[in-house]
Amino acid sequence: MDNKINEIRRRISTLRAEMTLIEASIRDQVNRDLDCSEASYRLMAMRAEVTELIGRWKAAGGGERLPTVRERLGRSYADRPIATAKADKAKADKAKPKPGHSNARA
């Protein structure tokens, strides 16, 4: 079930990224006074697909809030999780007494 949820999330993320490109293309076409109806239809179809995928994601058990593209791209580097596996291992090694040493006080 988790694989299905992750696949849906990946597809949603991919679609959202593609949608931002199409939106930029539409803005460019409008600024140059060109017809943007084809790109607009593609964008509307993608939005419908995202809506369907979100429904399937929720039905499959996805419950956490999905970030918007702006939220995903706007996160600062410091907000991202940092791997601490090495730090945790170092703490665990310090907690164990080394051979020949004890915690007993004389």
Foldseek 3Di string as FASTA:
>chain_A
DVVLLVVLLVVLVVLLVVLVVLVVVLVVCVVVVHDSVVSVVVNVVSVVVSVVSVVVSVVVPDDDDDDHPCVVVVDDPVPDDDDCPVVVVVVVVVVDDDPPDDPDDD
